[in-house]
Amino acid sequence: ELDKKLPSDSRRSESRLLEAMDGICSPANFRVYEYPPPTMAKACEVFMGDHEDAVESTLREMAGKTKEISELTDAVCFSRTGVCDGIDLTPTGNKGEPNVYMDNQPISGDEL
């Protein structure tokens, strides 16, 4: 989300960076993701509370050097913070039947 709010060139000044980071954990920023916005917002607040300096310095250092969000994600997620070590970041993108659960047990569409 931060990358969307910042210019893609090397003009990432301190004030632009701080302005983009202000309110980044608002639920409105997470409406396009798989998880509910309130859950994403809480996770964002925890992450930024622990790693705001690493995110800020990475964004500043990478300004104008990359156009790929995956490079920025790798730098923050793995290199700088290590929070994604051991996590499969492959998009789920399940276009088939939705996963339905009853009493924490998966059920098939036939059982509905």
C-alpha atoms as a PDB file:
ATOM      1  CA  GLU A   1       0.000   0.000   0.000  1.00  0.00           C
ATOM      2  CA  LEU A   2       2.828   2.412   0.735  1.00  0.00           C
ATOM      3  CA  ASP A   3       4.312   1.916  -2.696  1.00  0.00           C
ATOM      4  CA  LYS A   4       0.972   2.950  -4.247  1.00  0.00           C
ATOM      5  CA  LYS A   5       1.010   6.210  -2.286  1.00  0.00           C
ATOM      6  CA  LEU A   6       4.572   7.220  -3.204  1.00  0.00           C
ATOM      7  CA  PRO A   7       5.987   8.470  -6.496  1.00  0.00           C
ATOM      8  CA  SER A   8       7.827   5.721  -8.367  1.00  0.00           C
ATOM      9  CA  ASP A   9      10.865   7.857  -9.072  1.00  0.00           C
ATOM     10  CA  SER A  10      13.625   9.082  -6.792  1.00  0.00           C
ATOM     11  CA  ARG A  11      11.534  11.979  -5.394  1.00  0.00           C
ATOM     12  CA  ARG A  12      10.676  10.146  -2.192  1.00  0.00           C
ATOM     13  CA  SER A  13      11.457  12.949   0.198  1.00  0.00           C
ATOM     14  CA  GLU A  14      11.205  12.533   3.937  1.00  0.00           C
ATOM     15  CA  SER A  15       7.980  14.552   4.066  1.00  0.00           C
ATOM     16  CA  ARG A  16       6.340  12.534   1.235  1.00  0.00           C
ATOM     17  CA  LEU A  17       7.372   9.304   2.896  1.00  0.00           C
ATOM     18  CA  LEU A  18       5.996  10.329   6.287  1.00  0.00           C
ATOM     19  CA  GLU A  19       2.790  11.592   4.681  1.00  0.00           C
ATOM     20  CA  ALA A  20       2.293   8.244   2.908  1.00  0.00           C
ATOM     21  CA  MET A  21       3.022   6.285   6.088  1.00  0.00           C
ATOM     22  CA  ASP A  22       0.529   8.333   8.088  1.00  0.00           C
ATOM     23  CA  GLY A  23      -2.727   6.378   8.140  1.00  0.00           C
ATOM     24  CA  ILE A  24      -1.361   3.473   6.099  1.00  0.00           C
ATOM     25  CA  CYS A  25      -3.050   0.992   8.445  1.00  0.00           C
ATOM     26  CA  SER A  26      -6.538   2.391   7.847  1.00  0.00           C
ATOM     27  CA  PRO A  27      -9.069  -0.370   7.042  1.00  0.00           C
ATOM     28  CA  ALA A  28      -9.968   1.536   3.853  1.00  0.00           C
ATOM     29  CA  ASN A  29      -6.562   0.580   2.436  1.00  0.00           C
ATOM     30  CA  PHE A  30      -7.311  -3.144   2.724  1.00  0.00           C
ATOM     31  CA  ARG A  31     -10.669  -3.562   0.970  1.00  0.00           C
ATOM     32  CA  VAL A  32      -9.146  -5.356  -2.022  1.00  0.00           C
ATOM     33  CA  TYR A  33      -7.483  -8.141  -0.064  1.00  0.00           C
ATOM     34  CA  GLU A  34      -8.623 -11.638   0.849  1.00  0.00           C
ATOM     35  CA  TYR A  35      -8.813 -10.994   4.603  1.00  0.00           C
ATOM     36  CA  PRO A  36     -11.296  -8.665   6.332  1.00  0.00           C
ATOM     37  CA  PRO A  37     -10.090  -5.041   6.490  1.00  0.00           C
ATOM     38  CA  PRO A  38     -10.259  -4.834  10.323  1.00  0.00           C
ATOM     39  CA  THR A  39      -8.015  -7.901  10.607  1.00  0.00           C
ATOM     40  CA  MET A  40      -5.575  -6.517   8.045  1.00  0.00           C
ATOM     41  CA  ALA A  41      -5.548  -3.120   9.773  1.00  0.00           C
ATOM     42  CA  LYS A  42      -4.695  -4.692  13.144  1.00  0.00           C
ATOM     43  CA  ALA A  43      -1.918  -6.770  11.565  1.00  0.00           C
ATOM     44  CA  CYS A  44      -0.601  -3.655   9.825  1.00  0.00           C
ATOM     45  CA  GLU A  45      -0.526  -1.738  13.112  1.00  0.00           C
ATOM     46  CA  VAL A  46       1.430  -4.512  14.821  1.00  0.00           C
ATOM     47  CA  PHE A  47       3.840  -4.824  11.896  1.00  0.00           C
ATOM     48  CA  MET A  48       4.411  -1.073  11.584  1.00  0.00           C
ATOM     49  CA  GLY A  49       4.784  -0.731  15.351  1.00  0.00           C
ATOM     50  CA  ASP A  50       7.618  -3.257  15.246  1.00  0.00           C
ATOM     51  CA  HIS A  51       9.202  -2.415  11.873  1.00  0.00           C
ATOM     52  CA  GLU A  52       8.371   1.167  10.884  1.00  0.00           C
ATOM     53  CA  ASP A  53      12.029   2.223  10.788  1.00  0.00           C
ATOM     54  CA  ALA A  54      12.974  -0.710   8.541  1.00  0.00           C
ATOM     55  CA  VAL A  55      10.087   0.018   6.162  1.00  0.00           C
ATOM     56  CA  GLU A  56      10.920   3.715   6.015  1.00  0.00           C
ATOM     57  CA  SER A  57      14.626   3.204   5.383  1.00  0.00           C
ATOM     58  CA  THR A  58      13.964   0.531   2.736  1.00  0.00           C
ATOM     59  CA  LEU A  59      11.538   2.780   0.865  1.00  0.00           C
ATOM     60  CA  ARG A  60      14.003   5.644   0.987  1.00  0.00           C
ATOM     61  CA  GLU A  61      16.931   3.499  -0.199  1.00  0.00           C
ATOM     62  CA  MET A  62      15.006   1.835  -3.015  1.00  0.00           C
ATOM     63  CA  ALA A  63      13.455   5.031  -4.377  1.00  0.00           C
ATOM     64  CA  GLY A  64      13.914   5.129  -8.134  1.00  0.00           C
ATOM     65  CA  LYS A  65      15.826   1.836  -8.173  1.00  0.00           C
ATOM     66  CA  THR A  66      12.996  -0.597  -8.773  1.00  0.00           C
ATOM     67  CA  LYS A  67       9.623  -0.654 -10.427  1.00  0.00           C
ATOM     68  CA  GLU A  68       8.727  -4.115  -9.167  1.00  0.00           C
ATOM     69  CA  ILE A  69       6.689  -4.387  -5.980  1.00  0.00           C
ATOM     70  CA  SER A  70       8.089  -7.907  -5.502  1.00  0.00           C
ATOM     71  CA  GLU A  71      11.597  -6.489  -5.023  1.00  0.00           C
ATOM     72  CA  LEU A  72      10.343  -4.047  -2.412  1.00  0.00           C
ATOM     73  CA  THR A  73       8.350  -6.812  -0.718  1.00  0.00           C
ATOM     74  CA  ASP A  74      11.401  -9.096  -0.625  1.00  0.00           C
ATOM     75  CA  ALA A  75      13.559  -6.322   0.812  1.00  0.00           C
ATOM     76  CA  VAL A  76      11.119  -5.475   3.618  1.00  0.00           C
ATOM     77  CA  CYS A  77       9.639  -8.909   4.244  1.00  0.00           C
ATOM     78  CA  PHE A  78      12.779 -11.047   4.108  1.00  0.00           C
ATOM     79  CA  SER A  79      15.986  -8.988   4.101  1.00  0.00           C
ATOM     80  CA  ARG A  80      15.172  -6.197   6.543  1.00  0.00           C
ATOM     81  CA  THR A  81      12.652  -7.686   8.958  1.00  0.00           C
ATOM     82  CA  GLY A  82      12.665 -11.450   8.401  1.00  0.00           C
ATOM     83  CA  VAL A  83       8.946 -11.603   9.217  1.00  0.00           C
ATOM     84  CA  CYS A  84       8.184 -13.678   6.118  1.00  0.00           C
ATOM     85  CA  ASP A  85      10.858 -16.322   6.657  1.00  0.00           C
ATOM     86  CA  GLY A  86       9.209 -19.726   6.276  1.00  0.00           C
ATOM     87  CA  ILE A  87       5.920 -18.339   4.943  1.00  0.00           C
ATOM     88  CA  ASP A  88       4.487 -19.375   1.572  1.00  0.00           C
ATOM     89  CA  LEU A  89       3.586 -16.114  -0.158  1.00  0.00           C
ATOM     90  CA  THR A  90       2.078 -17.782  -3.207  1.00  0.00           C
ATOM     91  CA  PRO A  91      -1.263 -16.109  -3.992  1.00  0.00           C
ATOM     92  CA  THR A  92      -4.177 -18.361  -3.223  1.00  0.00           C
ATOM     93  CA  GLY A  93      -6.403 -17.076  -6.011  1.00  0.00           C
ATOM     94  CA  ASN A  94      -8.945 -19.865  -5.583  1.00  0.00           C
ATOM     95  CA  LYS A  95     -11.365 -19.275  -8.448  1.00  0.00           C
ATOM     96  CA  GLY A  96     -13.336 -22.468  -7.827  1.00  0.00           C
ATOM     97  CA  GLU A  97     -15.821 -23.296  -5.143  1.00  0.00           C
ATOM     98  CA  PRO A  98     -15.537 -21.295  -1.923  1.00  0.00           C
ATOM     99  CA  ASN A  99     -14.236 -23.015   1.192  1.00  0.00           C
ATOM    100  CA  VAL A 100     -17.193 -23.535   3.524  1.00  0.00           C
ATOM    101  CA  TYR A 101     -16.766 -24.512   7.163  1.00  0.00           C
ATOM    102  CA  MET A 102     -19.232 -25.668   9.784  1.00  0.00           C
ATOM    103  CA  ASP A 103     -18.056 -26.077  13.365  1.00  0.00           C
ATOM    104  CA  ASN A 104     -14.483 -25.522  12.122  1.00  0.00           C
ATOM    105  CA  GLN A 105     -14.761 -28.500   9.762  1.00  0.00           C
ATOM    106  CA  PRO A 106     -14.722 -28.114   5.969  1.00  0.00           C
ATOM    107  CA  ILE A 107     -17.886 -29.230   4.214  1.00  0.00           C
ATOM    108  CA  SER A 108     -18.528 -29.754   0.512  1.00  0.00           C
ATOM    109  CA  GLY A 109     -21.126 -27.933  -1.528  1.00  0.00           C
ATOM    110  CA  ASP A 110     -23.091 -31.190  -1.742  1.00  0.00           C
ATOM    111  CA  GLU A 111     -23.650 -31.141   2.009  1.00  0.00           C
ATOM    112  CA  LEU A 112     -25.327 -27.718   1.895  1.00  0.00           C
END
